[in-house]
C-alpha atoms as a PDB file:
ATOM      1  CA  MET A   1       0.000   0.000   0.000  1.00  0.00           C
ATOM      2  CA  SER A   2       1.007   3.627  -0.463  1.00  0.00           C
ATOM      3  CA  ALA A   3       1.611   6.084   2.338  1.00  0.00           C
ATOM      4  CA  VAL A   4      -1.229   8.526   2.925  1.00  0.00           C
ATOM      5  CA  SER A   5      -0.318  11.648   4.849  1.00  0.00           C
ATOM      6  CA  PRO A   6      -2.122  14.981   5.334  1.00  0.00           C
ATOM      7  CA  ARG A   7      -0.466  16.439   2.230  1.00  0.00           C
ATOM      8  CA  TYR A   8      -3.113  19.139   2.037  1.00  0.00           C
ATOM      9  CA  GLN A   9      -0.986  20.996   4.582  1.00  0.00           C
ATOM     10  CA  ALA A  10       1.648  21.413   1.863  1.00  0.00           C
ATOM     11  CA  HIS A  11      -0.892  22.016  -0.920  1.00  0.00           C
ATOM     12  CA  PRO A  12      -4.418  23.230  -0.186  1.00  0.00           C
ATOM     13  CA  THR A  13      -6.120  20.789  -2.556  1.00  0.00           C
ATOM     14  CA  LEU A  14      -5.606  17.189  -3.645  1.00  0.00           C
ATOM     15  CA  VAL A  15      -7.277  15.698  -6.706  1.00  0.00           C
ATOM     16  CA  ALA A  16      -8.477  12.091  -6.721  1.00  0.00           C
ATOM     17  CA  PRO A  17      -9.724  11.190 -10.221  1.00  0.00           C
ATOM     18  CA  SER A  18     -12.427   8.544 -10.216  1.00  0.00           C
ATOM     19  CA  ILE A  19     -11.642   5.580 -12.442  1.00  0.00           C
ATOM     20  CA  LEU A  20     -15.397   5.042 -12.814  1.00  0.00           C
ATOM     21  CA  SER A  21     -15.035   7.362 -15.818  1.00  0.00           C
ATOM     22  CA  ALA A  22     -11.904   5.684 -17.189  1.00  0.00           C
ATOM     23  CA  ASP A  23     -11.669   3.309 -20.144  1.00  0.00           C
ATOM     24  CA  PHE A  24     -12.186  -0.031 -18.377  1.00  0.00           C
ATOM     25  CA  ALA A  25     -10.455  -1.881 -21.202  1.00  0.00           C
ATOM     26  CA  ARG A  26      -7.267   0.110 -20.500  1.00  0.00           C
ATOM     27  CA  LEU A  27      -7.324   0.659 -16.751  1.00  0.00           C
ATOM     28  CA  GLY A  28      -3.609   0.072 -16.212  1.00  0.00           C
ATOM     29  CA  GLU A  29      -2.752   2.613 -18.901  1.00  0.00           C
ATOM     30  CA  GLU A  30      -5.292   5.044 -17.451  1.00  0.00           C
ATOM     31  CA  LEU A  31      -3.523   4.933 -14.082  1.00  0.00           C
ATOM     32  CA  HIS A  32      -0.236   5.742 -15.789  1.00  0.00           C
ATOM     33  CA  ARG A  33      -1.903   8.710 -17.488  1.00  0.00           C
ATOM     34  CA  LEU A  34      -3.171   9.968 -14.133  1.00  0.00           C
ATOM     35  CA  GLU A  35       0.271   9.757 -12.561  1.00  0.00           C
ATOM     36  CA  ALA A  36       1.792  11.662 -15.487  1.00  0.00           C
ATOM     37  CA  ALA A  37      -0.924  14.315 -15.117  1.00  0.00           C
ATOM     38  CA  GLN A  38      -0.023  14.832 -11.448  1.00  0.00           C
ATOM     39  CA  ALA A  39      -3.098  13.287  -9.825  1.00  0.00           C
ATOM     40  CA  ASP A  40      -2.682  12.855  -6.075  1.00  0.00           C
ATOM     41  CA  TRP A  41      -4.874   9.835  -5.313  1.00  0.00           C
ATOM     42  CA  ILE A  42      -6.802   7.240  -7.322  1.00  0.00           C
ATOM     43  CA  HIS A  43     -10.492   7.195  -6.384  1.00  0.00           C
ATOM     44  CA  VAL A  44     -12.046   3.741  -6.775  1.00  0.00           C
ATOM     45  CA  ASP A  45     -15.849   3.551  -6.722  1.00  0.00           C
ATOM     46  CA  VAL A  46     -17.125   0.158  -5.607  1.00  0.00           C
ATOM     47  CA  MET A  47     -20.849  -0.437  -6.172  1.00  0.00           C
ATOM     48  CA  ASP A  48     -22.882  -3.547  -5.414  1.00  0.00           C
ATOM     49  CA  GLY A  49     -26.141  -2.958  -7.305  1.00  0.00           C
ATOM     50  CA  MET A  50     -28.013  -2.908  -3.992  1.00  0.00           C
ATOM     51  CA  PHE A  51     -26.908   0.120  -1.985  1.00  0.00           C
ATOM     52  CA  VAL A  52     -26.729   1.979  -5.301  1.00  0.00           C
ATOM     53  CA  PRO A  53     -28.301   1.021  -8.663  1.00  0.00           C
ATOM     54  CA  ASN A  54     -25.088   0.067 -10.397  1.00  0.00           C
ATOM     55  CA  LEU A  55     -22.357  -2.580 -10.379  1.00  0.00           C
ATOM     56  CA  THR A  56     -18.669  -1.790 -10.789  1.00  0.00           C
ATOM     57  CA  LEU A  57     -15.602  -3.639  -9.546  1.00  0.00           C
ATOM     58  CA  GLY A  58     -14.258  -5.478  -6.518  1.00  0.00           C
ATOM     59  CA  PRO A  59     -11.051  -6.571  -4.779  1.00  0.00           C
ATOM     60  CA  PRO A  60      -9.624  -8.690  -7.655  1.00  0.00           C
ATOM     61  CA  ILE A  61      -9.604  -5.702 -10.020  1.00  0.00           C
ATOM     62  CA  ILE A  62      -8.124  -3.410  -7.385  1.00  0.00           C
ATOM     63  CA  LYS A  63      -5.414  -5.974  -6.680  1.00  0.00           C
ATOM     64  CA  ALA A  64      -4.604  -6.180 -10.388  1.00  0.00           C
ATOM     65  CA  LEU A  65      -4.400  -2.385 -10.621  1.00  0.00           C
ATOM     66  CA  ARG A  66      -2.248  -1.966  -7.538  1.00  0.00           C
ATOM     67  CA  LYS A  67       0.940  -2.878  -9.438  1.00  0.00           C
ATOM     68  CA  HIS A  68       0.276  -0.123 -11.982  1.00  0.00           C
ATOM     69  CA  SER A  69       0.426   2.826  -9.581  1.00  0.00           C
ATOM     70  CA  ALA A  70       2.188   3.960  -6.433  1.00  0.00           C
ATOM     71  CA  LEU A  71      -0.497   6.579  -5.754  1.00  0.00           C
ATOM     72  CA  PRO A  72      -2.788   6.080  -2.747  1.00  0.00           C
ATOM     73  CA  PHE A  73      -5.918   4.098  -3.573  1.00  0.00           C
ATOM     74  CA  ASP A  74      -8.959   5.915  -2.182  1.00  0.00           C
ATOM     75  CA  VAL A  75     -11.570   3.138  -2.134  1.00  0.00           C
ATOM     76  CA  HIS A  76     -15.175   4.290  -1.781  1.00  0.00           C
ATOM     77  CA  LEU A  77     -17.511   1.455  -0.793  1.00  0.00           C
ATOM     78  CA  MET A  78     -21.052   2.127  -1.971  1.00  0.00           C
ATOM     79  CA  ILE A  79     -22.175  -1.266  -0.754  1.00  0.00           C
ATOM     80  CA  GLU A  80     -24.403  -2.856   1.857  1.00  0.00           C
ATOM     81  CA  GLN A  81     -22.792  -4.572   4.865  1.00  0.00           C
ATOM     82  CA  PRO A  82     -19.276  -3.352   4.023  1.00  0.00           C
ATOM     83  CA  ASP A  83     -17.827  -4.971   7.156  1.00  0.00           C
ATOM     84  CA  ARG A  84     -17.841  -8.321   5.347  1.00  0.00           C
ATOM     85  CA  TYR A  85     -15.253  -7.110   2.833  1.00  0.00           C
ATOM     86  CA  LEU A  86     -12.980  -4.667   4.663  1.00  0.00           C
ATOM     87  CA  ALA A  87     -10.061  -7.080   4.941  1.00  0.00           C
ATOM     88  CA  ASP A  88     -10.464  -8.068   1.279  1.00  0.00           C
ATOM     89  CA  PHE A  89     -10.117  -4.468   0.137  1.00  0.00           C
ATOM     90  CA  ARG A  90      -7.162  -3.910   2.449  1.00  0.00           C
ATOM     91  CA  ASP A  91      -5.462  -6.993   1.052  1.00  0.00           C
ATOM     92  CA  ALA A  92      -6.197  -5.809  -2.496  1.00  0.00           C
ATOM     93  CA  GLY A  93      -4.259  -2.605  -1.880  1.00  0.00           C
ATOM     94  CA  ALA A  94      -6.647   0.013  -0.503  1.00  0.00           C
ATOM     95  CA  ASP A  95      -4.978   2.830   1.428  1.00  0.00           C
ATOM     96  CA  ILE A  96      -8.199   4.613   2.375  1.00  0.00           C
ATOM     97  CA  ILE A  97     -11.493   2.790   2.853  1.00  0.00           C
ATOM     98  CA  THR A  98     -14.602   4.947   2.949  1.00  0.00           C
ATOM     99  CA  VAL A  99     -17.971   3.520   3.952  1.00  0.00           C
ATOM    100  CA  HIS A 100     -21.388   5.136   3.901  1.00  0.00           C
ATOM    101  CA  ALA A 101     -22.950   6.198   7.174  1.00  0.00           C
ATOM    102  CA  GLU A 102     -26.286   5.014   5.773  1.00  0.00           C
ATOM    103  CA  ALA A 103     -24.954   1.468   5.271  1.00  0.00           C
ATOM    104  CA  CYS A 104     -23.365   1.023   8.705  1.00  0.00           C
ATOM    105  CA  PRO A 105     -25.625   0.492  11.740  1.00  0.00           C
ATOM    106  CA  HIS A 106     -22.504   0.247  13.928  1.00  0.00           C
ATOM    107  CA  LEU A 107     -20.491   2.991  12.294  1.00  0.00           C
ATOM    108  CA  HIS A 108     -17.909   3.471  15.040  1.00  0.00           C
ATOM    109  CA  ARG A 109     -17.148  -0.251  15.044  1.00  0.00           C
ATOM    110  CA  THR A 110     -16.724  -0.276  11.265  1.00  0.00           C
ATOM    111  CA  LEU A 111     -14.387   2.728  11.252  1.00  0.00           C
ATOM    112  CA  SER A 112     -12.346   1.271  14.109  1.00  0.00           C
ATOM    113  CA  GLU A 113     -11.949  -1.977  12.161  1.00  0.00           C
ATOM    114  CA  ILE A 114     -10.733  -0.114   9.073  1.00  0.00           C
ATOM    115  CA  ARG A 115      -8.023   1.529  11.161  1.00  0.00           C
ATOM    116  CA  ARG A 116      -7.166  -1.761  12.855  1.00  0.00           C
ATOM    117  CA  LEU A 117      -6.566  -3.220   9.407  1.00  0.00           C
ATOM    118  CA  GLY A 118      -4.019  -0.482   8.757  1.00  0.00           C
ATOM    119  CA  CYS A 119      -6.034   1.745   6.410  1.00  0.00           C
ATOM    120  CA  LYS A 120      -7.258   5.303   6.759  1.00  0.00           C
ATOM    121  CA  ALA A 121     -10.945   5.372   7.717  1.00  0.00           C
ATOM    122  CA  GLY A 122     -13.466   7.486   5.840  1.00  0.00           C
ATOM    123  CA  VAL A 123     -17.200   8.009   6.032  1.00  0.00           C
ATOM    124  CA  SER A 124     -19.430   9.257   3.230  1.00  0.00           C
ATOM    125  CA  LEU A 125     -22.688  11.180   3.512  1.00  0.00           C
ATOM    126  CA  ASN A 126     -25.377  11.043   0.855  1.00  0.00           C
ATOM    127  CA  PRO A 127     -27.034  14.341  -0.115  1.00  0.00           C
ATOM    128  CA  ALA A 128     -30.026  13.762   2.179  1.00  0.00           C
ATOM    129  CA  THR A 129     -27.957  12.605   5.183  1.00  0.00           C
ATOM    130  CA  PRO A 130     -27.400  15.315   7.822  1.00  0.00           C
ATOM    131  CA  VAL A 131     -23.936  16.256   9.046  1.00  0.00           C
ATOM    132  CA  SER A 132     -25.022  15.267  12.563  1.00  0.00           C
ATOM    133  CA  ALA A 133     -24.630  11.607  11.505  1.00  0.00           C
ATOM    134  CA  ILE A 134     -20.851  11.857  12.041  1.00  0.00           C
ATOM    135  CA  GLU A 135     -20.692  14.019  15.177  1.00  0.00           C
ATOM    136  CA  ASN A 136     -20.009  11.057  17.451  1.00  0.00           C
ATOM    137  CA  VAL A 137     -17.360   9.349  15.301  1.00  0.00           C
ATOM    138  CA  LEU A 138     -15.019  12.232  14.496  1.00  0.00           C
ATOM    139  CA  ASP A 139     -12.188  10.777  16.551  1.00  0.00           C
ATOM    140  CA  ALA A 140     -12.388   7.547  14.530  1.00  0.00           C
ATOM    141  CA  LEU A 141     -12.146   9.353  11.186  1.00  0.00           C
ATOM    142  CA  ASP A 142      -9.387  10.276   8.763  1.00  0.00           C
ATOM    143  CA  LEU A 143     -11.684  11.472   5.964  1.00  0.00           C
ATOM    144  CA  VAL A 144     -15.219  12.735   5.419  1.00  0.00           C
ATOM    145  CA  LEU A 145     -16.653  12.407   1.912  1.00  0.00           C
ATOM    146  CA  VAL A 146     -19.574  14.683   1.057  1.00  0.00           C
ATOM    147  CA  MET A 147     -21.549  13.344  -1.894  1.00  0.00           C
ATOM    148  CA  SER A 148     -22.567  16.240  -4.113  1.00  0.00           C
ATOM    149  CA  VAL A 149     -24.688  13.940  -6.303  1.00  0.00           C
ATOM    150  CA  ASN A 150     -26.804  10.930  -5.464  1.00  0.00           C
ATOM    151  CA  PRO A 151     -24.351   8.023  -5.726  1.00  0.00           C
ATOM    152  CA  GLY A 152     -24.559   5.321  -8.342  1.00  0.00           C
ATOM    153  CA  PHE A 153     -23.600   6.885 -11.652  1.00  0.00           C
ATOM    154  CA  GLY A 154     -20.953   9.197 -13.050  1.00  0.00           C
ATOM    155  CA  GLY A 155     -21.621  12.324 -15.064  1.00  0.00           C
ATOM    156  CA  GLN A 156     -24.314  13.832 -12.805  1.00  0.00           C
ATOM    157  CA  SER A 157     -24.792  17.532 -12.051  1.00  0.00           C
ATOM    158  CA  PHE A 158     -23.491  19.063  -8.824  1.00  0.00           C
ATOM    159  CA  ILE A 159     -26.153  19.654  -6.132  1.00  0.00           C
ATOM    160  CA  PRO A 160     -25.708  23.303  -5.014  1.00  0.00           C
ATOM    161  CA  GLN A 161     -26.815  22.579  -1.430  1.00  0.00           C
ATOM    162  CA  SER A 162     -23.599  20.568  -1.083  1.00  0.00           C
ATOM    163  CA  LEU A 163     -21.628  23.795  -0.629  1.00  0.00           C
ATOM    164  CA  LYS A 164     -23.476  24.539   2.600  1.00  0.00           C
ATOM    165  CA  LYS A 165     -22.950  20.972   3.732  1.00  0.00           C
ATOM    166  CA  LEU A 166     -19.208  21.140   3.059  1.00  0.00           C
ATOM    167  CA  ALA A 167     -18.985  24.272   5.171  1.00  0.00           C
ATOM    168  CA  GLN A 168     -20.896  22.568   7.987  1.00  0.00           C
ATOM    169  CA  VAL A 169     -18.539  19.575   7.942  1.00  0.00           C
ATOM    170  CA  LYS A 170     -15.511  21.863   7.843  1.00  0.00           C
ATOM    171  CA  THR A 171     -16.751  23.611  10.971  1.00  0.00           C
ATOM    172  CA  LEU A 172     -17.352  20.251  12.653  1.00  0.00           C
ATOM    173  CA  ILE A 173     -13.863  18.997  11.777  1.00  0.00           C
ATOM    174  CA  ALA A 174     -12.277  22.159  13.180  1.00  0.00           C
ATOM    175  CA  ASP A 175      -8.530  21.572  13.602  1.00  0.00           C
ATOM    176  CA  ARG A 176      -8.661  17.778  13.468  1.00  0.00           C
ATOM    177  CA  PRO A 177      -6.372  16.166  10.833  1.00  0.00           C
ATOM    178  CA  ILE A 178      -9.312  14.935   8.761  1.00  0.00           C
ATOM    179  CA  PHE A 179      -9.505  15.201   4.982  1.00  0.00           C
ATOM    180  CA  LEU A 180     -12.704  16.777   3.618  1.00  0.00           C
ATOM    181  CA  GLU A 181     -13.502  15.237   0.257  1.00  0.00           C
ATOM    182  CA  VAL A 182     -16.246  16.076  -2.241  1.00  0.00           C
ATOM    183  CA  ASP A 183     -17.519  13.770  -4.987  1.00  0.00           C
ATOM    184  CA  GLY A 184     -19.969  14.425  -7.785  1.00  0.00           C
ATOM    185  CA  GLY A 185     -20.271  16.961 -10.566  1.00  0.00           C
ATOM    186  CA  VAL A 186     -17.086  18.860  -9.706  1.00  0.00           C
ATOM    187  CA  SER A 187     -15.217  20.475 -12.595  1.00  0.00           C
ATOM    188  CA  PRO A 188     -12.901  23.449 -13.091  1.00  0.00           C
ATOM    189  CA  LYS A 189     -16.064  25.582 -13.411  1.00  0.00           C
ATOM    190  CA  ASN A 190     -17.146  25.059  -9.786  1.00  0.00           C
ATOM    191  CA  ALA A 191     -13.932  23.846  -8.117  1.00  0.00           C
ATOM    192  CA  ALA A 192     -13.210  27.269  -6.594  1.00  0.00           C
ATOM    193  CA  GLU A 193     -16.581  27.164  -4.818  1.00  0.00           C
ATOM    194  CA  VAL A 194     -15.998  23.743  -3.297  1.00  0.00           C
ATOM    195  CA  ARG A 195     -12.502  24.732  -2.199  1.00  0.00           C
ATOM    196  CA  SER A 196     -13.874  27.880  -0.589  1.00  0.00           C
ATOM    197  CA  ALA A 197     -16.488  25.781   1.216  1.00  0.00           C
ATOM    198  CA  GLY A 198     -13.690  23.751   2.815  1.00  0.00           C
ATOM    199  CA  ALA A 199     -12.987  20.759   0.582  1.00  0.00           C
ATOM    200  CA  ASN A 200      -9.313  19.789   0.356  1.00  0.00           C
ATOM    201  CA  VAL A 201      -9.764  16.612  -1.726  1.00  0.00           C
ATOM    202  CA  ILE A 202     -11.691  16.791  -5.000  1.00  0.00           C
ATOM    203  CA  VAL A 203     -12.974  13.670  -6.720  1.00  0.00           C
ATOM    204  CA  ALA A 204     -13.560  14.176 -10.432  1.00  0.00           C
ATOM    205  CA  GLY A 205     -14.378  11.588 -13.053  1.00  0.00           C
ATOM    206  CA  SER A 206     -15.826  12.884 -16.288  1.00  0.00           C
ATOM    207  CA  ALA A 207     -14.130  16.278 -15.886  1.00  0.00           C
ATOM    208  CA  VAL A 208     -10.700  14.599 -15.858  1.00  0.00           C
ATOM    209  CA  PHE A 209     -11.087  11.683 -18.257  1.00  0.00           C
ATOM    210  CA  LYS A 210     -13.022  13.610 -20.912  1.00  0.00           C
ATOM    211  CA  ALA A 211     -10.674  16.590 -20.818  1.00  0.00           C
ATOM    212  CA  GLU A 212      -8.542  17.390 -23.831  1.00  0.00           C
ATOM    213  CA  ASP A 213      -5.676  18.201 -21.443  1.00  0.00           C
ATOM    214  CA  MET A 214      -5.856  15.984 -18.356  1.00  0.00           C
ATOM    215  CA  ALA A 215      -2.923  17.627 -16.600  1.00  0.00           C
ATOM    216  CA  ALA A 216      -4.280  21.145 -17.112  1.00  0.00           C
ATOM    217  CA  THR A 217      -7.682  20.056 -15.807  1.00  0.00           C
ATOM    218  CA  ILE A 218      -6.176  18.540 -12.672  1.00  0.00           C
ATOM    219  CA  GLN A 219      -4.213  21.744 -12.031  1.00  0.00           C
ATOM    220  CA  ALA A 220      -7.369  23.802 -12.532  1.00  0.00           C
ATOM    221  CA  LEU A 221      -9.179  21.664  -9.966  1.00  0.00           C
ATOM    222  CA  LYS A 222      -6.350  22.249  -7.504  1.00  0.00           C
ATOM    223  CA  GLY A 223      -6.547  25.995  -8.107  1.00  0.00           C
END
């Protein structure tokens, strides 16, 4: 696994392109492109067709990709009962494992297990989930992911209310060393707004992979 440190202290924004928008027939090559374009993390969306209405990839694919990149793998589990698979994703090469608050009835236990396995622990909030859902687990967190679209598909439009939510989470985090990540509909056109609201990790799929100049787009997202 790759080392994950609070690098946002050295640079205000990290960019984690989502391989959900990559060419799945050329995933290894796509990772090499991202490294050359100065991406910071690789965001891996895992969907089970139950928690969200889509199916993507699992531990075997992540394990196969791990040898193609030294960048941190930011694995976002949009799945039901994620506790069953935490060790599998760790073994596949995940550096960060993010679960959904809505999918975890024992959220503190799940986050503690992720850390015990040696990964950074993240929690994601769907657009309709209030920030109060994470108030009692802040000390078990390394990352909060605010969904700025309803999860399940790439290419959706940014939900404007997410800016207020980012600011609320930023206030809640205060001076804790917790990454604040945003995912969904972020592009160079609205990246300044999400950065101003407090996000220091930007997930972008279509904006990066459909760009004529991937490196320039990533730099624009970073600001």
